[in-house]
Amino acid sequence: EAIAQYEKWMFLMRGLGNDGGVADAWRMMGRTFLIQKRFDDAVACCQTSQSIAERSRDELRTGGARYVLADCYESMGRLEEAAQLLERVVEMDRKYQLPKLEENTKRLNALRERLSADASRQARKELHG
């Protein structure tokens, strides 16, 4: 039902020539698919949102799409990709002094720690065969 509402919203926004609204609808569909654990659909929607926002040179909407896309990749175990996206989100948070800077920085640091721990485990595994 939520997806149908976002599709209606997208149709309306397209008709008005509102690219930002279209990007928002794609991002929200991505978030909905993520909640439903439909990861491939979620990633596709977020990538579409990001592309529309980038074409419009809308940095804040681009950041929003990257944030949800990072959630998708983290949920899929693609931690390196999630960290790369989150780094860009934190850069934007810092640039615009956005309220989620501290929260996103903590999340990024936790993700980096997980990546480091995973790399250490992999190195030990390779060392001990």
Protein backbone atom coordinates (compact mmCIF):
# COMPACT_ATOMS: atom_id res chain seq x y z
CA GLU A 1 0.00 0.00 0.00
CA ALA A 2 2.82 2.43 0.86
CA ILE A 3 4.49 1.73 -2.47
CA ALA A 4 1.26 2.52 -4.34
CA GLN A 5 1.04 5.85 -2.49
CA TYR A 6 4.65 6.72 -3.36
CA GLU A 7 3.98 5.84 -7.00
CA LYS A 8 0.98 8.21 -7.01
CA TRP A 9 3.15 10.90 -5.39
CA MET A 10 5.85 10.32 -8.02
CA PHE A 11 3.33 10.63 -10.85
CA LEU A 12 2.08 13.91 -9.39
CA MET A 13 5.59 15.29 -8.87
CA ARG A 14 6.62 14.33 -12.40
CA GLY A 15 3.56 16.12 -13.76
CA LEU A 16 4.57 19.23 -11.83
CA GLY A 17 8.17 18.98 -13.03
CA ASN A 18 9.32 18.61 -9.42
CA ASP A 19 12.47 16.48 -9.64
CA GLY A 20 13.07 16.83 -5.91
CA GLY A 21 9.68 15.31 -5.16
CA VAL A 22 10.38 12.47 -7.60
CA ALA A 23 13.75 11.81 -5.92
CA ASP A 24 12.02 11.82 -2.52
CA ALA A 25 9.43 9.30 -3.69
CA TRP A 26 12.12 6.93 -5.00
CA ARG A 27 14.03 7.25 -1.70
CA MET A 28 10.92 6.52 0.36
CA MET A 29 10.09 3.51 -1.80
CA GLY A 30 13.65 2.35 -1.19
CA ARG A 31 13.21 2.74 2.57
CA THR A 32 9.94 0.78 2.40
CA PHE A 33 11.58 -2.04 0.43
CA LEU A 34 14.46 -2.06 2.93
CA ILE A 35 12.01 -2.53 5.82
CA GLN A 36 10.46 -5.39 3.84
CA LYS A 37 13.98 -6.85 3.34
CA ARG A 38 13.59 -6.57 -0.43
CA PHE A 39 17.18 -5.41 -0.71
CA ASP A 40 17.62 -5.45 -4.49
CA ASP A 41 14.47 -3.36 -4.96
CA ALA A 42 15.58 -1.02 -2.18
CA VAL A 43 19.02 -0.52 -3.75
CA ALA A 44 17.51 0.13 -7.19
CA CYS A 45 15.12 2.75 -5.80
CA CYS A 46 17.84 4.50 -3.80
CA GLN A 47 20.21 4.56 -6.77
CA THR A 48 17.45 6.10 -8.88
CA SER A 49 16.78 8.71 -6.20
CA GLN A 50 20.49 9.50 -5.97
CA SER A 51 20.80 9.86 -9.76
CA ILE A 52 17.83 12.23 -9.99
CA ALA A 53 19.13 14.32 -7.09
CA GLU A 54 22.66 14.46 -8.57
CA ARG A 55 21.29 15.53 -11.97
CA SER A 56 19.37 18.29 -10.21
CA ARG A 57 22.51 19.23 -8.24
CA ASP A 58 20.47 18.80 -5.04
CA GLU A 59 23.14 17.90 -2.50
CA LEU A 60 20.78 17.37 0.42
CA ARG A 61 18.53 14.95 -1.47
CA THR A 62 21.63 13.20 -2.81
CA GLY A 63 22.77 12.78 0.79
CA GLY A 64 19.37 11.42 1.80
CA ALA A 65 19.51 8.81 -0.95
CA ARG A 66 23.06 7.86 0.03
CA TYR A 67 22.00 7.49 3.66
CA VAL A 68 19.26 4.97 2.83
CA LEU A 69 21.53 3.23 0.31
CA ALA A 70 24.17 2.87 3.06
CA ASP A 71 21.46 1.25 5.23
CA CYS A 72 20.73 -1.17 2.40
CA TYR A 73 24.36 -2.13 1.89
CA GLU A 74 24.93 -2.54 5.62
CA SER A 75 21.88 -4.81 5.88
CA MET A 76 23.24 -6.85 2.96
CA GLY A 77 26.65 -7.21 4.60
CA ARG A 78 28.31 -4.96 2.01
CA LEU A 79 30.04 -2.98 4.73
CA GLU A 80 32.77 -1.36 2.63
CA GLU A 81 30.22 0.14 0.26
CA ALA A 82 28.08 1.25 3.20
CA ALA A 83 31.07 2.97 4.83
CA GLN A 84 32.01 4.76 1.61
CA LEU A 85 28.50 6.16 1.26
CA LEU A 86 28.28 7.09 4.92
CA GLU A 87 31.59 8.97 4.64
CA ARG A 88 30.01 11.14 1.95
CA VAL A 89 26.91 11.64 4.09
CA VAL A 90 29.06 12.76 7.04
CA GLU A 91 30.99 15.17 4.76
CA MET A 92 27.68 16.73 3.76
CA ASP A 93 26.45 16.82 7.36
CA ARG A 94 29.63 18.68 8.27
CA LYS A 95 29.42 21.05 5.29
CA TYR A 96 25.86 22.10 6.11
CA GLN A 97 26.10 21.66 9.90
CA LEU A 98 23.19 19.23 9.82
CA PRO A 99 21.72 17.94 13.08
CA LYS A 100 22.57 14.27 12.40
CA LEU A 101 26.33 14.93 12.11
CA GLU A 102 27.19 13.43 15.51
CA GLU A 103 24.87 10.44 15.07
CA ASN A 104 26.14 9.68 11.56
CA THR A 105 29.77 10.12 12.63
CA LYS A 106 29.26 7.57 15.42
CA ARG A 107 27.58 5.19 13.00
CA LEU A 108 30.45 5.59 10.52
CA ASN A 109 33.05 4.95 13.24
CA ALA A 110 31.19 1.80 14.35
CA LEU A 111 31.09 0.61 10.75
CA ARG A 112 34.82 1.25 10.33
CA GLU A 113 35.48 -0.73 13.54
CA ARG A 114 33.47 -3.66 12.16
CA LEU A 115 35.43 -3.51 8.91
CA SER A 116 38.72 -3.43 10.82
CA ALA A 117 37.68 -6.38 12.99
CA ASP A 118 36.59 -8.32 9.91
CA ALA A 119 39.93 -7.60 8.21
CA SER A 120 41.82 -8.75 11.32
CA ARG A 121 39.82 -11.99 11.48
CA GLN A 122 40.43 -12.61 7.79
CA ALA A 123 44.18 -11.98 8.19
CA ARG A 124 44.37 -14.42 11.13
CA LYS A 125 42.40 -17.00 9.18
CA GLU A 126 44.77 -16.71 6.21
CA LEU A 127 47.81 -16.83 8.49
CA HIS A 128 46.66 -20.01 10.22
CA GLY A 129 45.24 -21.54 7.06
